[in-house]
Amino acid sequence: MDGKKPCAPQRTHNPLCKKIFPGHGKLFQLDAAPPLGYSSQRVGFSTFCILRQRKLSGFAQAALRGLGEDMFSPNNLVVYPAQGVGEIERIESRNIGDAECRFYIVRIRANNVTLMVPVSNADHVGLRPPVPAPRAQEILDSLHGDTEKTVHTGQNWNRRFREYSERLKDPELGVVAGVLRELLLIGRQKELSFGERRLQEQAMSLVTGELAVVLQRDEDQLRSDLLERYAPPPAPEEAL
């Protein structure tokens, strides 16, 4: 590598990465605000540079174990936590200071956003392949079951909002589906607040987007079916 240092952005104590990305551990939208002292052209225009850490668990660890540094190849479908299904467009190297870093360039399908994910940090941020088809069907079946269950909502909303927001960042689709299910059930009991509707829309997009890809189903139809199943019961006068 012509004497250049390897990039190790997964190390939070790495002084080079801290120097270049002062907000290390956060998500930068570079077309809005590049890291201090660096132009958008230097690290990629209209791009998110992902440097935060997240530990994979469950099937994702098993799926990625033993694959070496390059876990994915161009054209592979992947899932990024809280962003959804994307496609590896290419793998490219960039010189940052005196280090050479390799990045997965990922195009997210839902919003056409481009992510730059350091190859050496992909497993830590939670980049993973889509769930296997049997697991996807299991999650869908769980969403279809017991749609009249009552959810206790006495907890402080701010605390619930933080909890749901954290769960939506989880790499495991089952955890995200659990948030969606709870919000759909709450919506049967009362009108959702603006914050609850926003979280439900995010969870719905993440869940139906991945299920549609894996099960080869229409995403809009999956969404409509879930909303119909969890529709509030008719008012007493309408039931007569």
C-alpha atoms as a PDB file:
ATOM      1  CA  MET A   1       0.000   0.000   0.000  1.00  0.00           C
ATOM      2  CA  ASP A   2       2.968   2.272  -0.779  1.00  0.00           C
ATOM      3  CA  GLY A   3       3.892   2.652   2.857  1.00  0.00           C
ATOM      4  CA  LYS A   4       0.506   4.051   3.845  1.00  0.00           C
ATOM      5  CA  LYS A   5      -0.997   3.070   7.158  1.00  0.00           C
ATOM      6  CA  PRO A   6      -4.087   0.856   7.134  1.00  0.00           C
ATOM      7  CA  CYS A   7      -7.256   2.601   8.235  1.00  0.00           C
ATOM      8  CA  ALA A   8      -8.789   1.216  11.394  1.00  0.00           C
ATOM      9  CA  PRO A   9     -11.871   3.374  11.955  1.00  0.00           C
ATOM     10  CA  GLN A  10     -13.438   0.799  14.246  1.00  0.00           C
ATOM     11  CA  ARG A  11     -10.939   1.783  16.954  1.00  0.00           C
ATOM     12  CA  THR A  12     -12.484   4.673  18.829  1.00  0.00           C
ATOM     13  CA  HIS A  13      -9.084   5.618  20.246  1.00  0.00           C
ATOM     14  CA  ASN A  14      -7.489   5.848  16.802  1.00  0.00           C
ATOM     15  CA  PRO A  15      -5.981   9.393  16.779  1.00  0.00           C
ATOM     16  CA  LEU A  16      -6.010   9.659  12.987  1.00  0.00           C
ATOM     17  CA  CYS A  17      -9.745   8.985  12.708  1.00  0.00           C
ATOM     18  CA  LYS A  18     -10.461  11.302  15.619  1.00  0.00           C
ATOM     19  CA  LYS A  19      -8.454  14.028  13.936  1.00  0.00           C
ATOM     20  CA  ILE A  20     -10.238  13.670  10.605  1.00  0.00           C
ATOM     21  CA  PHE A  21     -13.701  13.032  12.020  1.00  0.00           C
ATOM     22  CA  PRO A  22     -14.001  15.174  15.183  1.00  0.00           C
ATOM     23  CA  GLY A  23     -17.461  13.784  15.891  1.00  0.00           C
ATOM     24  CA  HIS A  24     -16.216  10.181  15.721  1.00  0.00           C
ATOM     25  CA  GLY A  25     -19.009   7.845  16.724  1.00  0.00           C
ATOM     26  CA  LYS A  26     -21.685   9.818  14.873  1.00  0.00           C
ATOM     27  CA  LEU A  27     -23.288   9.774  11.443  1.00  0.00           C
ATOM     28  CA  PHE A  28     -22.272  12.608   9.106  1.00  0.00           C
ATOM     29  CA  GLN A  29     -24.370  13.702   6.141  1.00  0.00           C
ATOM     30  CA  LEU A  30     -21.535  15.205   4.191  1.00  0.00           C
ATOM     31  CA  ASP A  31     -23.584  17.084   1.614  1.00  0.00           C
ATOM     32  CA  ALA A  32     -25.110  19.033   4.520  1.00  0.00           C
ATOM     33  CA  ALA A  33     -22.122  19.545   6.810  1.00  0.00           C
ATOM     34  CA  PRO A  34     -18.719  17.933   6.131  1.00  0.00           C
ATOM     35  CA  PRO A  35     -16.498  17.200   9.144  1.00  0.00           C
ATOM     36  CA  LEU A  36     -14.666  20.278  10.331  1.00  0.00           C
ATOM     37  CA  GLY A  37     -11.802  21.235   8.038  1.00  0.00           C
ATOM     38  CA  TYR A  38     -12.644  18.763   5.272  1.00  0.00           C
ATOM     39  CA  SER A  39     -14.476  19.511   2.048  1.00  0.00           C
ATOM     40  CA  SER A  40     -17.225  17.205   0.826  1.00  0.00           C
ATOM     41  CA  GLN A  41     -15.033  16.335  -2.172  1.00  0.00           C
ATOM     42  CA  ARG A  42     -12.314  15.053   0.158  1.00  0.00           C
ATOM     43  CA  VAL A  43     -14.419  12.299   1.691  1.00  0.00           C
ATOM     44  CA  GLY A  44     -17.304  11.948  -0.732  1.00  0.00           C
ATOM     45  CA  PHE A  45     -20.105  14.264  -1.766  1.00  0.00           C
ATOM     46  CA  SER A  46     -23.763  13.540  -0.938  1.00  0.00           C
ATOM     47  CA  THR A  47     -22.673  10.674   1.263  1.00  0.00           C
ATOM     48  CA  PHE A  48     -23.018   9.396   4.784  1.00  0.00           C
ATOM     49  CA  CYS A  49     -19.734   8.287   6.341  1.00  0.00           C
ATOM     50  CA  ILE A  50     -20.442   5.623   8.928  1.00  0.00           C
ATOM     51  CA  LEU A  51     -17.993   5.380  11.809  1.00  0.00           C
ATOM     52  CA  ARG A  52     -20.063   4.356  14.815  1.00  0.00           C
ATOM     53  CA  GLN A  53     -19.797   0.951  16.430  1.00  0.00           C
ATOM     54  CA  ARG A  54     -22.554  -1.634  16.769  1.00  0.00           C
ATOM     55  CA  LYS A  55     -22.189  -5.302  17.624  1.00  0.00           C
ATOM     56  CA  LEU A  56     -23.870  -7.920  15.464  1.00  0.00           C
ATOM     57  CA  SER A  57     -25.715 -10.776  17.074  1.00  0.00           C
ATOM     58  CA  GLY A  58     -27.658 -13.926  16.234  1.00  0.00           C
ATOM     59  CA  PHE A  59     -27.791 -15.170  12.662  1.00  0.00           C
ATOM     60  CA  ALA A  60     -25.810 -12.205  11.340  1.00  0.00           C
ATOM     61  CA  GLN A  61     -22.698 -13.235  13.263  1.00  0.00           C
ATOM     62  CA  ALA A  62     -23.000 -16.754  11.910  1.00  0.00           C
ATOM     63  CA  ALA A  63     -23.573 -15.497   8.370  1.00  0.00           C
ATOM     64  CA  LEU A  64     -20.496 -13.257   8.435  1.00  0.00           C
ATOM     65  CA  ARG A  65     -18.150 -15.463  10.465  1.00  0.00           C
ATOM     66  CA  GLY A  66     -15.093 -16.594   8.552  1.00  0.00           C
ATOM     67  CA  LEU A  67     -15.638 -14.339   5.540  1.00  0.00           C
ATOM     68  CA  GLY A  68     -12.502 -12.317   6.168  1.00  0.00           C
ATOM     69  CA  GLU A  69     -12.148  -8.589   5.681  1.00  0.00           C
ATOM     70  CA  ASP A  70     -14.329  -8.361   2.562  1.00  0.00           C
ATOM     71  CA  MET A  71     -17.634  -9.615   3.909  1.00  0.00           C
ATOM     72  CA  PHE A  72     -19.538  -8.385   0.864  1.00  0.00           C
ATOM     73  CA  SER A  73     -19.023  -7.923  -2.860  1.00  0.00           C
ATOM     74  CA  PRO A  74     -20.444  -5.429  -5.356  1.00  0.00           C
ATOM     75  CA  ASN A  75     -24.138  -6.037  -6.155  1.00  0.00           C
ATOM     76  CA  ASN A  76     -24.716  -7.839  -2.834  1.00  0.00           C
ATOM     77  CA  LEU A  77     -27.879  -6.840  -0.987  1.00  0.00           C
ATOM     78  CA  VAL A  78     -27.210  -5.744   2.587  1.00  0.00           C
ATOM     79  CA  VAL A  79     -29.105  -4.196   5.489  1.00  0.00           C
ATOM     80  CA  TYR A  80     -27.852  -1.229   7.496  1.00  0.00           C
ATOM     81  CA  PRO A  81     -29.479  -0.612  10.919  1.00  0.00           C
ATOM     82  CA  ALA A  82     -32.107   2.156  10.918  1.00  0.00           C
ATOM     83  CA  GLN A  83     -31.559   2.665   7.159  1.00  0.00           C
ATOM     84  CA  GLY A  84     -32.862  -0.560   5.639  1.00  0.00           C
ATOM     85  CA  VAL A  85     -32.028  -2.633   2.582  1.00  0.00           C
ATOM     86  CA  GLY A  86     -29.296  -1.423   0.283  1.00  0.00           C
ATOM     87  CA  GLU A  87     -26.970  -2.650  -2.430  1.00  0.00           C
ATOM     88  CA  ILE A  88     -23.183  -2.670  -2.480  1.00  0.00           C
ATOM     89  CA  GLU A  89     -22.387  -0.557  -5.528  1.00  0.00           C
ATOM     90  CA  ARG A  90     -18.626  -0.882  -5.261  1.00  0.00           C
ATOM     91  CA  ILE A  91     -15.677  -1.104  -2.920  1.00  0.00           C
ATOM     92  CA  GLU A  92     -13.272   1.783  -3.151  1.00  0.00           C
ATOM     93  CA  SER A  93     -10.089   2.939  -1.457  1.00  0.00           C
ATOM     94  CA  ARG A  94      -9.499   6.494  -0.279  1.00  0.00           C
ATOM     95  CA  ASN A  95      -6.455   8.122   1.182  1.00  0.00           C
ATOM     96  CA  ILE A  96      -7.263   9.933   4.414  1.00  0.00           C
ATOM     97  CA  GLY A  97      -4.184  11.631   5.784  1.00  0.00           C
ATOM     98  CA  ASP A  98      -1.443   9.020   5.656  1.00  0.00           C
ATOM     99  CA  ALA A  99      -3.868   6.099   5.876  1.00  0.00           C
ATOM    100  CA  GLU A 100      -5.517   4.164   3.075  1.00  0.00           C
ATOM    101  CA  CYS A 101      -9.109   3.220   3.895  1.00  0.00           C
ATOM    102  CA  ARG A 102     -11.375   0.858   1.996  1.00  0.00           C
ATOM    103  CA  PHE A 103     -15.115   1.554   1.941  1.00  0.00           C
ATOM    104  CA  TYR A 104     -18.265  -0.232   0.905  1.00  0.00           C
ATOM    105  CA  ILE A 105     -20.341   2.190  -1.138  1.00  0.00           C
ATOM    106  CA  VAL A 106     -23.927   1.254  -0.272  1.00  0.00           C
ATOM    107  CA  ARG A 107     -27.010   2.670  -1.977  1.00  0.00           C
ATOM    108  CA  ILE A 108     -30.077   2.463   0.280  1.00  0.00           C
ATOM    109  CA  ARG A 109     -33.142   1.473  -1.721  1.00  0.00           C
ATOM    110  CA  ALA A 110     -35.818   3.275   0.289  1.00  0.00           C
ATOM    111  CA  ASN A 111     -34.382   6.796  -0.018  1.00  0.00           C
ATOM    112  CA  ASN A 112     -31.537   6.500  -2.554  1.00  0.00           C
ATOM    113  CA  VAL A 113     -29.021   7.699   0.058  1.00  0.00           C
ATOM    114  CA  THR A 114     -25.401   6.593  -0.366  1.00  0.00           C
ATOM    115  CA  LEU A 115     -23.507   5.249   2.645  1.00  0.00           C
ATOM    116  CA  MET A 116     -19.742   4.915   2.958  1.00  0.00           C
ATOM    117  CA  VAL A 117     -19.046   2.068   5.347  1.00  0.00           C
ATOM    118  CA  PRO A 118     -15.409   1.275   6.254  1.00  0.00           C
ATOM    119  CA  VAL A 119     -14.755  -2.344   5.311  1.00  0.00           C
ATOM    120  CA  SER A 120     -12.856  -2.940   8.543  1.00  0.00           C
ATOM    121  CA  ASN A 121     -15.774  -1.596  10.569  1.00  0.00           C
ATOM    122  CA  ALA A 122     -18.741  -3.112   8.736  1.00  0.00           C
ATOM    123  CA  ASP A 123     -19.517  -5.785  11.294  1.00  0.00           C
ATOM    124  CA  HIS A 124     -19.289  -3.320  14.180  1.00  0.00           C
ATOM    125  CA  VAL A 125     -21.776  -0.877  12.665  1.00  0.00           C
ATOM    126  CA  GLY A 126     -24.207  -3.727  12.004  1.00  0.00           C
ATOM    127  CA  LEU A 127     -24.013  -4.103   8.223  1.00  0.00           C
ATOM    128  CA  ARG A 128     -25.438  -7.549   7.476  1.00  0.00           C
ATOM    129  CA  PRO A 129     -27.083  -9.652   4.767  1.00  0.00           C
ATOM    130  CA  PRO A 130     -30.898  -9.804   4.664  1.00  0.00           C
ATOM    131  CA  VAL A 131     -32.478 -12.367   6.969  1.00  0.00           C
ATOM    132  CA  PRO A 132     -32.986 -15.903   5.605  1.00  0.00           C
ATOM    133  CA  ALA A 133     -36.418 -16.637   4.123  1.00  0.00           C
ATOM    134  CA  PRO A 134     -37.559 -18.930   6.993  1.00  0.00           C
ATOM    135  CA  ARG A 135     -36.759 -16.206   9.540  1.00  0.00           C
ATOM    136  CA  ALA A 136     -38.527 -13.585   7.416  1.00  0.00           C
ATOM    137  CA  GLN A 137     -41.661 -15.744   7.252  1.00  0.00           C
ATOM    138  CA  GLU A 138     -41.480 -16.332  11.006  1.00  0.00           C
ATOM    139  CA  ILE A 139     -41.385 -12.571  11.638  1.00  0.00           C
ATOM    140  CA  LEU A 140     -44.297 -11.972   9.262  1.00  0.00           C
ATOM    141  CA  ASP A 141     -46.347 -14.714  10.940  1.00  0.00           C
ATOM    142  CA  SER A 142     -45.684 -13.157  14.353  1.00  0.00           C
ATOM    143  CA  LEU A 143     -46.957  -9.803  13.081  1.00  0.00           C
ATOM    144  CA  HIS A 144     -50.106 -11.494  11.790  1.00  0.00           C
ATOM    145  CA  GLY A 145     -50.873 -13.195  15.110  1.00  0.00           C
ATOM    146  CA  ASP A 146     -52.903 -11.917  18.081  1.00  0.00           C
ATOM    147  CA  THR A 147     -53.622  -8.489  16.622  1.00  0.00           C
ATOM    148  CA  GLU A 148     -56.061  -7.641  19.424  1.00  0.00           C
ATOM    149  CA  LYS A 149     -53.548  -7.824  22.260  1.00  0.00           C
ATOM    150  CA  THR A 150     -53.571  -4.846  24.659  1.00  0.00           C
ATOM    151  CA  VAL A 151     -50.333  -2.917  25.213  1.00  0.00           C
ATOM    152  CA  HIS A 152     -49.771  -1.036  28.470  1.00  0.00           C
ATOM    153  CA  THR A 153     -48.824   2.577  27.672  1.00  0.00           C
ATOM    154  CA  GLY A 154     -48.615   4.010  31.185  1.00  0.00           C
ATOM    155  CA  GLN A 155     -44.841   4.498  30.899  1.00  0.00           C
ATOM    156  CA  ASN A 156     -43.555   8.041  30.389  1.00  0.00           C
ATOM    157  CA  TRP A 157     -43.732   8.798  26.652  1.00  0.00           C
ATOM    158  CA  ASN A 158     -40.270  10.366  26.479  1.00  0.00           C
ATOM    159  CA  ARG A 159     -38.795   7.219  27.967  1.00  0.00           C
ATOM    160  CA  ARG A 160     -40.780   5.034  25.576  1.00  0.00           C
ATOM    161  CA  PHE A 161     -39.699   7.184  22.641  1.00  0.00           C
ATOM    162  CA  ARG A 162     -36.032   6.753  23.564  1.00  0.00           C
ATOM    163  CA  GLU A 163     -36.505   3.024  24.028  1.00  0.00           C
ATOM    164  CA  TYR A 164     -38.258   2.586  20.688  1.00  0.00           C
ATOM    165  CA  SER A 165     -35.679   4.748  18.921  1.00  0.00           C
ATOM    166  CA  GLU A 166     -32.837   2.599  20.268  1.00  0.00           C
ATOM    167  CA  ARG A 167     -34.612  -0.611  19.310  1.00  0.00           C
ATOM    168  CA  LEU A 168     -35.082   0.648  15.755  1.00  0.00           C
ATOM    169  CA  LYS A 169     -31.286   0.856  15.467  1.00  0.00           C
ATOM    170  CA  ASP A 170     -30.876  -2.805  16.412  1.00  0.00           C
ATOM    171  CA  PRO A 171     -29.325  -4.985  13.666  1.00  0.00           C
ATOM    172  CA  GLU A 172     -31.854  -7.770  14.333  1.00  0.00           C
ATOM    173  CA  LEU A 173     -35.014  -7.466  12.233  1.00  0.00           C
ATOM    174  CA  GLY A 174     -37.032  -9.254  14.915  1.00  0.00           C
ATOM    175  CA  VAL A 175     -36.326  -6.453  17.388  1.00  0.00           C
ATOM    176  CA  VAL A 176     -37.469  -3.799  14.900  1.00  0.00           C
ATOM    177  CA  ALA A 177     -40.576  -5.862  14.109  1.00  0.00           C
ATOM    178  CA  GLY A 178     -41.340  -5.899  17.829  1.00  0.00           C
ATOM    179  CA  VAL A 179     -41.436  -2.097  17.867  1.00  0.00           C
ATOM    180  CA  LEU A 180     -43.736  -2.077  14.845  1.00  0.00           C
ATOM    181  CA  ARG A 181     -46.073  -4.595  16.448  1.00  0.00           C
ATOM    182  CA  GLU A 182     -46.311  -2.621  19.700  1.00  0.00           C
ATOM    183  CA  LEU A 183     -47.071   0.641  17.895  1.00  0.00           C
ATOM    184  CA  LEU A 184     -49.689  -1.022  15.692  1.00  0.00           C
ATOM    185  CA  LEU A 185     -51.336  -2.452  18.806  1.00  0.00           C
ATOM    186  CA  ILE A 186     -51.246   0.942  20.544  1.00  0.00           C
ATOM    187  CA  GLY A 187     -52.861   2.429  17.431  1.00  0.00           C
ATOM    188  CA  ARG A 188     -55.814   0.092  17.937  1.00  0.00           C
ATOM    189  CA  GLN A 189     -56.354   1.479  21.432  1.00  0.00           C
ATOM    190  CA  LYS A 190     -55.915   5.209  20.783  1.00  0.00           C
ATOM    191  CA  GLU A 191     -54.946   7.748  18.185  1.00  0.00           C
ATOM    192  CA  LEU A 192     -51.171   7.804  17.858  1.00  0.00           C
ATOM    193  CA  SER A 193     -49.291  10.997  18.617  1.00  0.00           C
ATOM    194  CA  PHE A 194     -47.097  12.613  15.973  1.00  0.00           C
ATOM    195  CA  GLY A 195     -43.986  11.029  17.500  1.00  0.00           C
ATOM    196  CA  GLU A 196     -45.599   7.593  17.632  1.00  0.00           C
ATOM    197  CA  ARG A 197     -46.749   7.837  14.006  1.00  0.00           C
ATOM    198  CA  ARG A 198     -43.258   8.824  12.915  1.00  0.00           C
ATOM    199  CA  LEU A 199     -41.719   5.850  14.712  1.00  0.00           C
ATOM    200  CA  GLN A 200     -44.370   3.521  13.291  1.00  0.00           C
ATOM    201  CA  GLU A 201     -43.666   4.725   9.753  1.00  0.00           C
ATOM    202  CA  GLN A 202     -39.939   4.181  10.231  1.00  0.00           C
ATOM    203  CA  ALA A 203     -40.433   0.713  11.688  1.00  0.00           C
ATOM    204  CA  MET A 204     -42.927  -0.191   8.946  1.00  0.00           C
ATOM    205  CA  SER A 205     -40.491   0.861   6.229  1.00  0.00           C
ATOM    206  CA  LEU A 206     -37.602  -1.106   7.744  1.00  0.00           C
ATOM    207  CA  VAL A 207     -39.645  -4.260   8.310  1.00  0.00           C
ATOM    208  CA  THR A 208     -41.713  -4.396   5.124  1.00  0.00           C
ATOM    209  CA  GLY A 209     -38.734  -3.322   3.009  1.00  0.00           C
ATOM    210  CA  GLU A 210     -36.646  -6.293   4.107  1.00  0.00           C
ATOM    211  CA  LEU A 211     -39.530  -8.790   4.168  1.00  0.00           C
ATOM    212  CA  ALA A 212     -40.513  -7.789   0.628  1.00  0.00           C
ATOM    213  CA  VAL A 213     -36.988  -8.400  -0.669  1.00  0.00           C
ATOM    214  CA  VAL A 214     -36.532 -11.733   1.092  1.00  0.00           C
ATOM    215  CA  LEU A 215     -40.027 -13.160   0.524  1.00  0.00           C
ATOM    216  CA  GLN A 216     -40.369 -11.599  -2.944  1.00  0.00           C
ATOM    217  CA  ARG A 217     -43.567  -9.824  -1.992  1.00  0.00           C
ATOM    218  CA  ASP A 218     -44.874  -6.383  -2.855  1.00  0.00           C
ATOM    219  CA  GLU A 219     -43.850  -3.938  -0.118  1.00  0.00           C
ATOM    220  CA  ASP A 220     -46.951  -1.751  -0.447  1.00  0.00           C
ATOM    221  CA  GLN A 221     -49.193  -4.811  -0.205  1.00  0.00           C
ATOM    222  CA  LEU A 222     -47.392  -6.004   2.938  1.00  0.00           C
ATOM    223  CA  ARG A 223     -47.884  -2.588   4.493  1.00  0.00           C
ATOM    224  CA  SER A 224     -51.565  -2.378   3.543  1.00  0.00           C
ATOM    225  CA  ASP A 225     -52.214  -5.857   4.888  1.00  0.00           C
ATOM    226  CA  LEU A 226     -50.651  -5.046   8.259  1.00  0.00           C
ATOM    227  CA  LEU A 227     -52.550  -1.770   8.593  1.00  0.00           C
ATOM    228  CA  GLU A 228     -55.795  -3.574   7.780  1.00  0.00           C
ATOM    229  CA  ARG A 229     -55.131  -6.322  10.319  1.00  0.00           C
ATOM    230  CA  TYR A 230     -54.398  -3.760  13.045  1.00  0.00           C
ATOM    231  CA  ALA A 231     -57.177  -1.343  12.107  1.00  0.00           C
ATOM    232  CA  PRO A 232     -59.051  -0.014  15.180  1.00  0.00           C
ATOM    233  CA  PRO A 233     -62.369  -1.773  15.877  1.00  0.00           C
ATOM    234  CA  PRO A 234     -65.461   0.071  14.629  1.00  0.00           C
ATOM    235  CA  ALA A 235     -67.224   2.394  17.004  1.00  0.00           C
ATOM    236  CA  PRO A 236     -70.289   0.858  18.715  1.00  0.00           C
ATOM    237  CA  GLU A 237     -72.763   2.803  16.574  1.00  0.00           C
ATOM    238  CA  GLU A 238     -70.980   1.687  13.398  1.00  0.00           C
ATOM    239  CA  ALA A 239     -71.084  -1.925  14.491  1.00  0.00           C
ATOM    240  CA  LEU A 240     -74.916  -1.918  14.667  1.00  0.00           C
END
